Amino acid sequence: MPVGSVLEAPLLEGSLVRLEPLGRRHAAGLAAAAEEDRGSYGFTWVPAAAEVPAYVDKQLARAAAGRLAPFAQVDRASGRVVGATAFWDPRPWPDGEGLCAVEVGFTWLAASAQGTGLNTEAKYLLFRHAFEQWGVARVDLKTDARNGRSRTAVERVGARFEGVLRNWSASWAPGEQGRLRDSAIFSVTAEEWPEVRAGLERRLAAR
């Protein structure tokens, strides 16, 4: 992928989840998903139903700038939109040709989709595309350092904890607008990917 090109969101499909390039057609489904039960969103900003159209527009604007490739997560069994995720923060190789690294983020799921295997398969599809199609050297993931649930979920998909960066990025926690958070940083490298892939495939096969 040459530098300066738009970071594109391809259609990625597994047995449990289909990752569709985000569009305005997903707004109604995202609004319903976000309002199921918001109890697990303490450290993650998830738009309320009324905020979804503006949220989608903002994600599409980031995509048009080439910094984000957003997806709607669709539960294949029901056909329902159950959340969102994205590739973002693409970083080029030193020679300027292709991607050296990319982050997986902007991820959230409806309460009914959490713990069902959809997150595991979504990460598998995203990692596989990044490593095997784009040839990246690493995939980054980060979360609020206080978010133990998210940190556990990231570690369970095979990412390695690298440390906490203090005052690293904007806080998404309710009531903390304008404040900075400490971010827990995780990664999977190209050298680790075969082992991580095998582990994810075992987990998915066991469901």
N, C-alpha and C. Protein backbone atom coordinates (compact mmCIF):
# COMPACT_ATOMS: atom_id res chain seq x y z
N MET A 1 0.86 -1.20 0.00
CA MET A 1 0.00 0.00 0.00
C MET A 1 0.89 1.24 0.00
N PRO A 2 0.93 2.02 -1.05
CA PRO A 2 1.81 3.17 -1.11
C PRO A 2 1.41 4.24 -0.13
N VAL A 3 2.40 4.98 0.38
CA VAL A 3 2.13 6.08 1.28
C VAL A 3 1.30 7.12 0.57
N GLY A 4 0.34 7.70 1.29
CA GLY A 4 -0.51 8.71 0.69
C GLY A 4 -1.81 8.16 0.16
N SER A 5 -1.89 6.84 0.00
CA SER A 5 -3.16 6.26 -0.45
C SER A 5 -4.11 6.13 0.73
N VAL A 6 -5.38 6.02 0.45
CA VAL A 6 -6.38 5.86 1.49
C VAL A 6 -6.23 4.47 2.11
N LEU A 7 -6.27 4.41 3.44
CA LEU A 7 -6.25 3.14 4.14
C LEU A 7 -7.61 2.49 3.96
N GLU A 8 -7.71 1.49 3.12
CA GLU A 8 -9.01 0.95 2.71
C GLU A 8 -9.49 -0.15 3.65
N ALA A 9 -10.81 -0.20 3.81
CA ALA A 9 -11.44 -1.23 4.62
C ALA A 9 -12.01 -2.30 3.68
N PRO A 10 -11.38 -3.45 3.57
CA PRO A 10 -11.92 -4.52 2.72
C PRO A 10 -13.03 -5.26 3.46
N LEU A 11 -13.90 -5.93 2.72
CA LEU A 11 -14.88 -6.83 3.33
C LEU A 11 -14.14 -8.04 3.87
N LEU A 12 -14.31 -8.33 5.16
CA LEU A 12 -13.66 -9.47 5.80
C LEU A 12 -14.74 -10.34 6.41
N GLU A 13 -14.75 -11.62 6.07
CA GLU A 13 -15.86 -12.48 6.50
C GLU A 13 -15.35 -13.76 7.13
N GLY A 14 -15.91 -14.07 8.30
CA GLY A 14 -15.61 -15.31 8.98
C GLY A 14 -16.86 -16.15 9.14
N SER A 15 -16.81 -17.09 10.06
CA SER A 15 -17.98 -17.93 10.31
C SER A 15 -18.99 -17.25 11.23
N LEU A 16 -18.50 -16.42 12.16
CA LEU A 16 -19.36 -15.76 13.13
C LEU A 16 -19.66 -14.32 12.79
N VAL A 17 -18.68 -13.63 12.23
CA VAL A 17 -18.80 -12.19 12.04
C VAL A 17 -18.39 -11.80 10.63
N ARG A 18 -19.05 -10.79 10.12
CA ARG A 18 -18.67 -10.18 8.85
C ARG A 18 -18.32 -8.72 9.13
N LEU A 19 -17.13 -8.33 8.73
CA LEU A 19 -16.69 -6.95 8.90
C LEU A 19 -16.93 -6.23 7.58
N GLU A 20 -17.91 -5.34 7.59
CA GLU A 20 -18.29 -4.60 6.39
C GLU A 20 -17.74 -3.19 6.46
N PRO A 21 -17.18 -2.67 5.36
CA PRO A 21 -16.75 -1.27 5.36
C PRO A 21 -17.90 -0.38 5.84
N LEU A 22 -17.63 0.45 6.82
CA LEU A 22 -18.68 1.25 7.45
C LEU A 22 -19.31 2.22 6.46
N GLY A 23 -20.63 2.31 6.52
CA GLY A 23 -21.38 3.26 5.70
C GLY A 23 -22.58 3.78 6.47
N ARG A 24 -23.21 4.77 5.92
CA ARG A 24 -24.38 5.35 6.60
C ARG A 24 -25.53 4.35 6.72
N ARG A 25 -25.53 3.33 5.86
CA ARG A 25 -26.58 2.31 5.93
C ARG A 25 -26.51 1.52 7.24
N HIS A 26 -25.38 1.59 7.95
CA HIS A 26 -25.23 0.86 9.20
C HIS A 26 -25.71 1.64 10.42
N ALA A 27 -26.10 2.89 10.24
CA ALA A 27 -26.39 3.77 11.38
C ALA A 27 -27.51 3.23 12.26
N ALA A 28 -28.60 2.79 11.67
CA ALA A 28 -29.72 2.30 12.48
C ALA A 28 -29.32 1.09 13.31
N GLY A 29 -28.58 0.16 12.70
CA GLY A 29 -28.14 -1.02 13.43
C GLY A 29 -27.17 -0.68 14.54
N LEU A 30 -26.27 0.26 14.30
CA LEU A 30 -25.34 0.68 15.34
C LEU A 30 -26.07 1.34 16.50
N ALA A 31 -27.07 2.15 16.18
CA ALA A 31 -27.84 2.82 17.23
C ALA A 31 -28.53 1.80 18.13
N ALA A 32 -29.12 0.76 17.54
CA ALA A 32 -29.78 -0.27 18.33
C ALA A 32 -28.76 -1.05 19.16
N ALA A 33 -27.61 -1.36 18.58
CA ALA A 33 -26.58 -2.12 19.29
C ALA A 33 -26.05 -1.34 20.48
N ALA A 34 -25.82 -0.05 20.30
CA ALA A 34 -25.23 0.78 21.34
C ALA A 34 -26.15 0.95 22.54
N GLU A 35 -27.45 0.80 22.35
CA GLU A 35 -28.41 1.05 23.43
C GLU A 35 -28.86 -0.22 24.14
N GLU A 36 -28.32 -1.39 23.77
CA GLU A 36 -28.76 -2.64 24.42
C GLU A 36 -28.54 -2.59 25.94
N ASP A 37 -27.28 -2.36 26.32
CA ASP A 37 -26.90 -2.27 27.74
C ASP A 37 -25.55 -1.59 27.76
N ARG A 38 -25.49 -0.39 28.32
CA ARG A 38 -24.27 0.40 28.26
C ARG A 38 -23.38 0.21 29.49
N GLY A 39 -23.67 -0.81 30.28
CA GLY A 39 -22.95 -1.00 31.52
C GLY A 39 -21.47 -1.33 31.38
N SER A 40 -21.07 -1.85 30.22
CA SER A 40 -19.66 -2.24 30.04
C SER A 40 -18.84 -1.17 29.34
N TYR A 41 -19.40 0.02 29.14
CA TYR A 41 -18.71 1.06 28.38
C TYR A 41 -18.07 2.13 29.26
N GLY A 42 -17.68 1.77 30.49
CA GLY A 42 -17.17 2.76 31.42
C GLY A 42 -15.94 3.51 30.96
N PHE A 43 -15.04 2.83 30.21
CA PHE A 43 -13.81 3.47 29.77
C PHE A 43 -13.74 3.59 28.25
N THR A 44 -14.84 3.26 27.57
CA THR A 44 -14.87 3.28 26.11
C THR A 44 -16.00 4.19 25.65
N TRP A 45 -15.69 5.15 24.78
CA TRP A 45 -16.76 6.00 24.28
C TRP A 45 -17.51 5.26 23.18
N VAL A 46 -18.79 5.03 23.41
CA VAL A 46 -19.68 4.42 22.43
C VAL A 46 -20.82 5.41 22.21
N PRO A 47 -21.12 5.76 20.97
CA PRO A 47 -22.15 6.78 20.75
C PRO A 47 -23.52 6.33 21.25
N ALA A 48 -24.26 7.25 21.85
CA ALA A 48 -25.67 7.00 22.12
C ALA A 48 -26.42 6.99 20.80
N ALA A 49 -27.63 6.47 20.80
CA ALA A 49 -28.38 6.32 19.55
C ALA A 49 -28.45 7.63 18.77
N ALA A 50 -28.72 8.73 19.46
CA ALA A 50 -28.86 10.01 18.77
C ALA A 50 -27.54 10.52 18.21
N GLU A 51 -26.43 10.01 18.71
CA GLU A 51 -25.10 10.46 18.28
C GLU A 51 -24.55 9.65 17.11
N VAL A 52 -25.21 8.54 16.77
CA VAL A 52 -24.66 7.63 15.77
C VAL A 52 -24.48 8.27 14.40
N PRO A 53 -25.43 9.04 13.86
CA PRO A 53 -25.20 9.64 12.54
C PRO A 53 -23.95 10.51 12.50
N ALA A 54 -23.73 11.33 13.53
CA ALA A 54 -22.53 12.17 13.56
C ALA A 54 -21.27 11.32 13.73
N TYR A 55 -21.38 10.24 14.53
CA TYR A 55 -20.26 9.31 14.72
C TYR A 55 -19.85 8.68 13.38
N VAL A 56 -20.83 8.20 12.63
CA VAL A 56 -20.53 7.59 11.33
C VAL A 56 -19.89 8.62 10.40
N ASP A 57 -20.44 9.83 10.37
CA ASP A 57 -19.87 10.88 9.51
C ASP A 57 -18.42 11.17 9.88
N LYS A 58 -18.13 11.21 11.17
CA LYS A 58 -16.76 11.50 11.61
C LYS A 58 -15.82 10.37 11.22
N GLN A 59 -16.26 9.12 11.37
CA GLN A 59 -15.42 8.00 10.96
C GLN A 59 -15.18 8.01 9.45
N LEU A 60 -16.19 8.35 8.68
CA LEU A 60 -16.03 8.41 7.23
C LEU A 60 -15.10 9.56 6.83
N ALA A 61 -15.13 10.66 7.57
CA ALA A 61 -14.21 11.76 7.29
C ALA A 61 -12.77 11.35 7.58
N ARG A 62 -12.56 10.62 8.66
CA ARG A 62 -11.23 10.10 8.96
C ARG A 62 -10.78 9.14 7.86
N ALA A 63 -11.71 8.32 7.38
CA ALA A 63 -11.38 7.38 6.31
C ALA A 63 -10.99 8.12 5.05
N ALA A 64 -11.71 9.20 4.72
CA ALA A 64 -11.41 9.97 3.51
C ALA A 64 -10.03 10.61 3.59
N ALA A 65 -9.57 10.88 4.82
CA ALA A 65 -8.24 11.46 5.01
C ALA A 65 -7.14 10.40 4.97
N GLY A 66 -7.53 9.12 4.87
CA GLY A 66 -6.55 8.06 4.75
C GLY A 66 -5.97 7.56 6.05
N ARG A 67 -6.56 7.99 7.20
CA ARG A 67 -6.01 7.62 8.49
C ARG A 67 -6.78 6.50 9.18
N LEU A 68 -7.91 6.09 8.60
CA LEU A 68 -8.78 5.14 9.27
C LEU A 68 -9.48 4.28 8.24
N ALA A 69 -9.65 3.00 8.56
CA ALA A 69 -10.45 2.09 7.75
C ALA A 69 -11.50 1.49 8.66
N PRO A 70 -12.70 2.10 8.74
CA PRO A 70 -13.70 1.66 9.72
C PRO A 70 -14.60 0.55 9.20
N PHE A 71 -15.05 -0.29 10.13
CA PHE A 71 -15.93 -1.41 9.80
C PHE A 71 -17.15 -1.41 10.71
N ALA A 72 -18.25 -1.90 10.20
CA ALA A 72 -19.37 -2.34 11.02
C ALA A 72 -19.21 -3.83 11.25
N GLN A 73 -19.43 -4.28 12.48
CA GLN A 73 -19.38 -5.70 12.79
C GLN A 73 -20.81 -6.26 12.69
N VAL A 74 -20.97 -7.27 11.85
CA VAL A 74 -22.28 -7.86 11.60
C VAL A 74 -22.28 -9.32 12.06
N ASP A 75 -23.20 -9.66 12.93
CA ASP A 75 -23.37 -11.04 13.38
C ASP A 75 -23.95 -11.85 12.23
N ARG A 76 -23.20 -12.83 11.74
CA ARG A 76 -23.65 -13.58 10.58
C ARG A 76 -24.91 -14.40 10.87
N ALA A 77 -25.06 -14.89 12.08
CA ALA A 77 -26.21 -15.74 12.39
C ALA A 77 -27.52 -14.97 12.31
N SER A 78 -27.52 -13.73 12.77
CA SER A 78 -28.75 -12.95 12.81
C SER A 78 -28.82 -11.88 11.73
N GLY A 79 -27.67 -11.53 11.16
CA GLY A 79 -27.63 -10.43 10.19
C GLY A 79 -27.65 -9.05 10.83
N ARG A 80 -27.61 -8.99 12.18
CA ARG A 80 -27.67 -7.71 12.87
C ARG A 80 -26.30 -7.04 12.95
N VAL A 81 -26.30 -5.72 12.85
CA VAL A 81 -25.10 -4.95 13.16
C VAL A 81 -24.93 -4.96 14.67
N VAL A 82 -23.75 -5.38 15.14
CA VAL A 82 -23.55 -5.53 16.58
C VAL A 82 -22.39 -4.70 17.12
N GLY A 83 -21.77 -3.87 16.28
CA GLY A 83 -20.68 -3.04 16.78
C GLY A 83 -19.82 -2.50 15.66
N ALA A 84 -18.66 -2.02 16.05
CA ALA A 84 -17.75 -1.39 15.09
C ALA A 84 -16.31 -1.71 15.47
N THR A 85 -15.42 -1.53 14.52
CA THR A 85 -13.99 -1.65 14.75
C THR A 85 -13.29 -0.94 13.59
N ALA A 86 -11.96 -0.90 13.62
CA ALA A 86 -11.25 -0.17 12.56
C ALA A 86 -9.77 -0.52 12.55
N PHE A 87 -9.18 -0.37 11.37
CA PHE A 87 -7.74 -0.18 11.25
C PHE A 87 -7.49 1.32 11.33
N TRP A 88 -6.42 1.73 12.01
CA TRP A 88 -6.09 3.15 11.96
C TRP A 88 -4.63 3.39 12.31
N ASP A 89 -4.23 4.65 12.22
CA ASP A 89 -2.85 5.08 12.46
C ASP A 89 -1.86 4.27 11.63
N PRO A 90 -2.00 4.25 10.30
CA PRO A 90 -1.04 3.52 9.46
C PRO A 90 0.32 4.20 9.48
N ARG A 91 1.38 3.40 9.58
CA ARG A 91 2.74 3.95 9.61
C ARG A 91 3.57 3.28 8.52
N PRO A 92 4.22 4.06 7.67
CA PRO A 92 4.94 3.49 6.53
C PRO A 92 6.30 2.93 6.92
N TRP A 93 6.82 2.08 6.04
CA TRP A 93 8.20 1.65 6.14
C TRP A 93 9.12 2.85 5.91
N PRO A 94 10.37 2.79 6.38
CA PRO A 94 11.28 3.94 6.20
C PRO A 94 11.46 4.37 4.76
N ASP A 95 11.36 3.44 3.81
CA ASP A 95 11.53 3.83 2.41
C ASP A 95 10.26 4.42 1.80
N GLY A 96 9.21 4.48 2.62
CA GLY A 96 7.97 5.09 2.14
C GLY A 96 7.08 4.18 1.34
N GLU A 97 7.45 2.91 1.19
CA GLU A 97 6.66 1.97 0.40
C GLU A 97 5.96 0.98 1.31
N GLY A 98 4.64 1.02 1.32
CA GLY A 98 3.86 0.05 2.07
C GLY A 98 3.78 0.36 3.55
N LEU A 99 3.04 -0.50 4.25
CA LEU A 99 2.78 -0.31 5.67
C LEU A 99 3.77 -1.09 6.52
N CYS A 100 4.35 -0.40 7.50
CA CYS A 100 5.18 -1.05 8.51
C CYS A 100 4.33 -1.51 9.68
N ALA A 101 3.34 -0.68 10.06
CA ALA A 101 2.52 -1.00 11.23
C ALA A 101 1.16 -0.33 11.09
N VAL A 102 0.19 -0.90 11.80
CA VAL A 102 -1.16 -0.34 11.81
C VAL A 102 -1.78 -0.71 13.16
N GLU A 103 -2.71 0.10 13.60
CA GLU A 103 -3.39 -0.18 14.86
C GLU A 103 -4.79 -0.72 14.60
N VAL A 104 -5.25 -1.60 15.47
CA VAL A 104 -6.64 -2.03 15.50
C VAL A 104 -7.29 -1.34 16.69
N GLY A 105 -8.33 -0.57 16.43
CA GLY A 105 -8.96 0.17 17.51
C GLY A 105 -10.38 0.60 17.16
N PHE A 106 -10.89 1.58 17.92
CA PHE A 106 -12.27 2.06 17.76
C PHE A 106 -13.24 0.87 17.84
N THR A 107 -12.93 -0.09 18.71
CA THR A 107 -13.71 -1.32 18.77
C THR A 107 -14.74 -1.28 19.89
N TRP A 108 -15.97 -1.62 19.57
CA TRP A 108 -16.98 -1.83 20.60
C TRP A 108 -18.02 -2.82 20.08
N LEU A 109 -18.66 -3.50 21.01
CA LEU A 109 -19.68 -4.49 20.68
C LEU A 109 -20.91 -4.29 21.55
N ALA A 110 -22.07 -4.59 20.99
CA ALA A 110 -23.30 -4.63 21.77
C ALA A 110 -23.17 -5.64 22.90
N ALA A 111 -23.90 -5.42 23.98
CA ALA A 111 -23.82 -6.31 25.13
C ALA A 111 -24.10 -7.76 24.74
N SER A 112 -25.06 -7.98 23.83
CA SER A 112 -25.44 -9.34 23.45
C SER A 112 -24.36 -10.05 22.64
N ALA A 113 -23.42 -9.29 22.07
CA ALA A 113 -22.36 -9.89 21.25
C ALA A 113 -21.07 -10.12 22.02
N GLN A 114 -21.00 -9.57 23.23
CA GLN A 114 -19.79 -9.74 24.03
C GLN A 114 -19.72 -11.16 24.58
N GLY A 115 -18.53 -11.76 24.52
CA GLY A 115 -18.34 -13.10 25.03
C GLY A 115 -18.87 -14.21 24.15
N THR A 116 -19.19 -13.88 22.90
CA THR A 116 -19.77 -14.87 21.98
C THR A 116 -18.75 -15.43 20.98
N GLY A 117 -17.54 -14.92 20.99
CA GLY A 117 -16.54 -15.34 20.00
C GLY A 117 -16.41 -14.37 18.85
N LEU A 118 -17.34 -13.41 18.73
CA LEU A 118 -17.25 -12.46 17.61
C LEU A 118 -15.99 -11.61 17.69
N ASN A 119 -15.63 -11.17 18.90
CA ASN A 119 -14.42 -10.35 19.03
C ASN A 119 -13.19 -11.15 18.64
N THR A 120 -13.13 -12.40 19.08
CA THR A 120 -11.99 -13.25 18.74
C THR A 120 -11.86 -13.39 17.24
N GLU A 121 -12.96 -13.69 16.57
CA GLU A 121 -12.88 -13.88 15.12
C GLU A 121 -12.61 -12.57 14.40
N ALA A 122 -13.17 -11.46 14.87
CA ALA A 122 -12.90 -10.17 14.25
C ALA A 122 -11.42 -9.84 14.32
N LYS A 123 -10.81 -10.06 15.49
CA LYS A 123 -9.37 -9.79 15.62
C LYS A 123 -8.58 -10.71 14.69
N TYR A 124 -8.99 -11.97 14.60
CA TYR A 124 -8.32 -12.91 13.71
C TYR A 124 -8.36 -12.41 12.26
N LEU A 125 -9.52 -11.96 11.81
CA LEU A 125 -9.65 -11.47 10.44
C LEU A 125 -8.81 -10.22 10.20
N LEU A 126 -8.81 -9.31 11.17
CA LEU A 126 -8.05 -8.07 11.03
C LEU A 126 -6.55 -8.34 11.05
N PHE A 127 -6.11 -9.16 12.00
CA PHE A 127 -4.68 -9.49 12.08
C PHE A 127 -4.23 -10.19 10.79
N ARG A 128 -5.01 -11.16 10.35
CA ARG A 128 -4.62 -11.93 9.16
C ARG A 128 -4.48 -11.01 7.94
N HIS A 129 -5.42 -10.09 7.79
CA HIS A 129 -5.33 -9.17 6.65
C HIS A 129 -4.10 -8.28 6.77
N ALA A 130 -3.85 -7.76 7.96
CA ALA A 130 -2.72 -6.85 8.14
C ALA A 130 -1.39 -7.55 7.87
N PHE A 131 -1.22 -8.74 8.42
CA PHE A 131 0.05 -9.44 8.27
C PHE A 131 0.20 -10.10 6.89
N GLU A 132 -0.87 -10.70 6.38
CA GLU A 132 -0.73 -11.53 5.19
C GLU A 132 -1.05 -10.81 3.90
N GLN A 133 -1.80 -9.72 3.96
CA GLN A 133 -2.08 -8.94 2.75
C GLN A 133 -1.24 -7.67 2.69
N TRP A 134 -1.13 -6.97 3.80
CA TRP A 134 -0.37 -5.72 3.81
C TRP A 134 1.10 -5.92 4.18
N GLY A 135 1.42 -7.06 4.81
CA GLY A 135 2.81 -7.34 5.15
C GLY A 135 3.37 -6.46 6.24
N VAL A 136 2.54 -6.11 7.24
CA VAL A 136 3.02 -5.23 8.31
C VAL A 136 3.99 -5.98 9.22
N ALA A 137 4.81 -5.21 9.92
CA ALA A 137 5.74 -5.78 10.88
C ALA A 137 5.10 -5.93 12.26
N ARG A 138 4.06 -5.11 12.52
CA ARG A 138 3.37 -5.21 13.80
C ARG A 138 1.97 -4.62 13.70
N VAL A 139 1.11 -5.14 14.58
CA VAL A 139 -0.22 -4.58 14.78
C VAL A 139 -0.28 -4.08 16.22
N ASP A 140 -0.70 -2.84 16.40
CA ASP A 140 -0.81 -2.24 17.72
C ASP A 140 -2.25 -2.33 18.23
N LEU A 141 -2.40 -2.40 19.53
CA LEU A 141 -3.69 -2.26 20.20
C LEU A 141 -3.44 -1.47 21.48
N LYS A 142 -4.36 -0.61 21.87
CA LYS A 142 -4.20 0.09 23.14
C LYS A 142 -5.56 0.31 23.77
N THR A 143 -5.54 0.49 25.09
CA THR A 143 -6.77 0.72 25.83
C THR A 143 -6.45 1.53 27.07
N ASP A 144 -7.49 2.09 27.67
CA ASP A 144 -7.32 2.80 28.94
C ASP A 144 -6.66 1.85 29.94
N ALA A 145 -5.60 2.30 30.58
CA ALA A 145 -4.86 1.43 31.50
C ALA A 145 -5.73 0.94 32.65
N ARG A 146 -6.83 1.66 32.95
CA ARG A 146 -7.72 1.26 34.04
C ARG A 146 -8.73 0.21 33.61
N ASN A 147 -8.82 -0.06 32.32
CA ASN A 147 -9.87 -0.93 31.79
C ASN A 147 -9.41 -2.39 31.82
N GLY A 148 -9.57 -3.02 32.98
CA GLY A 148 -9.11 -4.39 33.13
C GLY A 148 -9.81 -5.36 32.20
N ARG A 149 -11.09 -5.14 31.96
CA ARG A 149 -11.84 -6.04 31.07
C ARG A 149 -11.28 -5.99 29.66
N SER A 150 -11.02 -4.81 29.17
CA SER A 150 -10.47 -4.67 27.82
C SER A 150 -9.05 -5.23 27.74
N ARG A 151 -8.24 -4.98 28.75
CA ARG A 151 -6.87 -5.49 28.75
C ARG A 151 -6.87 -7.01 28.71
N THR A 152 -7.74 -7.63 29.47
CA THR A 152 -7.84 -9.09 29.45
C THR A 152 -8.25 -9.61 28.08
N ALA A 153 -9.23 -8.92 27.45
CA ALA A 153 -9.69 -9.35 26.13
C ALA A 153 -8.58 -9.23 25.10
N VAL A 154 -7.78 -8.16 25.18
CA VAL A 154 -6.69 -7.98 24.23
C VAL A 154 -5.63 -9.07 24.42
N GLU A 155 -5.31 -9.38 25.66
CA GLU A 155 -4.32 -10.42 25.91
C GLU A 155 -4.82 -11.79 25.45
N ARG A 156 -6.12 -12.02 25.55
CA ARG A 156 -6.68 -13.32 25.16
C ARG A 156 -6.59 -13.56 23.66
N VAL A 157 -6.53 -12.51 22.85
CA VAL A 157 -6.38 -12.73 21.41
C VAL A 157 -4.92 -12.82 20.99
N GLY A 158 -4.01 -12.84 21.97
CA GLY A 158 -2.62 -13.11 21.68
C GLY A 158 -1.70 -11.91 21.64
N ALA A 159 -2.20 -10.73 21.93
CA ALA A 159 -1.35 -9.54 21.91
C ALA A 159 -0.49 -9.49 23.18
N ARG A 160 0.71 -8.97 23.04
CA ARG A 160 1.64 -8.90 24.16
C ARG A 160 1.65 -7.50 24.77
N PHE A 161 1.56 -7.44 26.09
CA PHE A 161 1.59 -6.17 26.82
C PHE A 161 2.98 -5.59 26.76
N GLU A 162 3.07 -4.31 26.38
CA GLU A 162 4.37 -3.65 26.26
C GLU A 162 4.62 -2.60 27.34
N GLY A 163 3.56 -2.12 27.98
CA GLY A 163 3.75 -1.13 29.02
C GLY A 163 2.63 -0.10 29.01
N VAL A 164 2.73 0.85 29.93
CA VAL A 164 1.75 1.92 30.05
C VAL A 164 2.42 3.25 29.72
N LEU A 165 1.81 3.98 28.79
CA LEU A 165 2.28 5.32 28.44
C LEU A 165 1.40 6.33 29.18
N ARG A 166 2.02 7.13 30.02
CA ARG A 166 1.27 8.05 30.87
C ARG A 166 0.82 9.29 30.10
N ASN A 167 -0.41 9.73 30.39
CA ASN A 167 -0.98 10.91 29.72
C ASN A 167 -0.83 10.81 28.21
N TRP A 168 -1.18 9.63 27.66
CA TRP A 168 -0.86 9.34 26.26
C TRP A 168 -1.91 9.83 25.29
N SER A 169 -3.18 9.73 25.66
CA SER A 169 -4.23 10.09 24.71
C SER A 169 -5.47 10.57 25.46
N ALA A 170 -6.41 11.10 24.69
CA ALA A 170 -7.63 11.63 25.30
C ALA A 170 -8.40 10.53 26.01
N SER A 171 -8.95 10.86 27.18
CA SER A 171 -9.79 9.92 27.90
C SER A 171 -11.18 9.87 27.27
N TRP A 172 -11.71 8.65 27.17
CA TRP A 172 -13.07 8.46 26.67
C TRP A 172 -14.03 8.15 27.80
N ALA A 173 -13.54 8.13 29.04
CA ALA A 173 -14.40 7.80 30.18
C ALA A 173 -15.42 8.91 30.40
N PRO A 174 -16.66 8.55 30.72
CA PRO A 174 -17.68 9.57 30.97
C PRO A 174 -17.23 10.57 32.04
N GLY A 175 -17.45 11.84 31.77
CA GLY A 175 -17.08 12.89 32.71
C GLY A 175 -15.64 13.31 32.65
N GLU A 176 -14.85 12.72 31.76
CA GLU A 176 -13.43 13.06 31.67
C GLU A 176 -13.07 13.76 30.36
N GLN A 177 -14.05 14.40 29.74
CA GLN A 177 -13.80 15.11 28.50
C GLN A 177 -12.71 16.18 28.72
N GLY A 178 -11.76 16.23 27.82
CA GLY A 178 -10.69 17.20 27.92
C GLY A 178 -9.52 16.74 28.77
N ARG A 179 -9.64 15.57 29.38
CA ARG A 179 -8.54 15.04 30.19
C ARG A 179 -7.77 13.98 29.41
N LEU A 180 -6.56 13.70 29.86
CA LEU A 180 -5.74 12.66 29.26
C LEU A 180 -5.79 11.40 30.10
N ARG A 181 -5.59 10.28 29.45
CA ARG A 181 -5.57 9.00 30.14
C ARG A 181 -4.20 8.35 29.99
N ASP A 182 -3.89 7.40 30.87
CA ASP A 182 -2.76 6.50 30.68
C ASP A 182 -3.23 5.36 29.78
N SER A 183 -2.43 5.01 28.78
CA SER A 183 -2.82 3.98 27.83
C SER A 183 -1.94 2.74 27.98
N ALA A 184 -2.58 1.58 28.09
CA ALA A 184 -1.87 0.30 28.08
C ALA A 184 -1.66 -0.11 26.62
N ILE A 185 -0.41 -0.38 26.27
CA ILE A 185 -0.03 -0.65 24.88
C ILE A 185 0.26 -2.14 24.70
N PHE A 186 -0.33 -2.70 23.65
CA PHE A 186 -0.13 -4.11 23.30
C PHE A 186 0.25 -4.21 21.83
N SER A 187 0.84 -5.34 21.45
CA SER A 187 1.15 -5.54 20.04
C SER A 187 1.24 -7.03 19.71
N VAL A 188 1.12 -7.29 18.42
CA VAL A 188 1.49 -8.58 17.84
C VAL A 188 2.47 -8.27 16.73
N THR A 189 3.61 -8.94 16.70
CA THR A 189 4.60 -8.72 15.64
C THR A 189 4.49 -9.80 14.57
N ALA A 190 5.10 -9.52 13.43
CA ALA A 190 5.06 -10.48 12.33
C ALA A 190 5.68 -11.82 12.74
N GLU A 191 6.74 -11.77 13.55
CA GLU A 191 7.37 -13.01 14.01
C GLU A 191 6.45 -13.82 14.91
N GLU A 192 5.61 -13.13 15.67
CA GLU A 192 4.68 -13.81 16.58
C GLU A 192 3.41 -14.29 15.89
N TRP A 193 3.11 -13.71 14.72
CA TRP A 193 1.83 -13.96 14.09
C TRP A 193 1.53 -15.44 13.85
N PRO A 194 2.46 -16.28 13.35
CA PRO A 194 2.08 -17.70 13.15
C PRO A 194 1.58 -18.37 14.42
N GLU A 195 2.23 -18.11 15.55
CA GLU A 195 1.79 -18.71 16.80
C GLU A 195 0.46 -18.12 17.26
N VAL A 196 0.31 -16.81 17.12
CA VAL A 196 -0.95 -16.16 17.50
C VAL A 196 -2.08 -16.66 16.61
N ARG A 197 -1.81 -16.80 15.32
CA ARG A 197 -2.83 -17.30 14.40
C ARG A 197 -3.28 -18.70 14.80
N ALA A 198 -2.33 -19.57 15.10
CA ALA A 198 -2.68 -20.94 15.48
C ALA A 198 -3.53 -20.94 16.75
N GLY A 199 -3.18 -20.09 17.71
CA GLY A 199 -3.95 -20.03 18.94
C GLY A 199 -5.37 -19.54 18.71
N LEU A 200 -5.53 -18.53 17.88
CA LEU A 200 -6.86 -18.03 17.57
C LEU A 200 -7.68 -19.08 16.83
N GLU A 201 -7.06 -19.78 15.90
CA GLU A 201 -7.77 -20.81 15.16
C GLU A 201 -8.21 -21.95 16.08
N ARG A 202 -7.38 -22.30 17.07
CA ARG A 202 -7.79 -23.33 18.04
C ARG A 202 -8.99 -22.86 18.85
N ARG A 203 -8.95 -21.61 19.29
CA ARG A 203 -10.06 -21.08 20.08
C ARG A 203 -11.36 -21.06 19.27
N LEU A 204 -11.26 -20.65 18.02
CA LEU A 204 -12.46 -20.58 17.19
C LEU A 204 -13.00 -21.98 16.86
N ALA A 205 -12.10 -22.93 16.64
CA ALA A 205 -12.53 -24.29 16.32
C ALA A 205 -13.21 -24.96 17.51
N ALA A 206 -12.87 -24.52 18.72
CA ALA A 206 -13.41 -25.13 19.92
C ALA A 206 -14.80 -24.60 20.28
N ARG A 207 -15.26 -23.57 19.58
CA ARG A 207 -16.57 -22.97 19.91
C ARG A 207 -17.72 -23.85 19.39
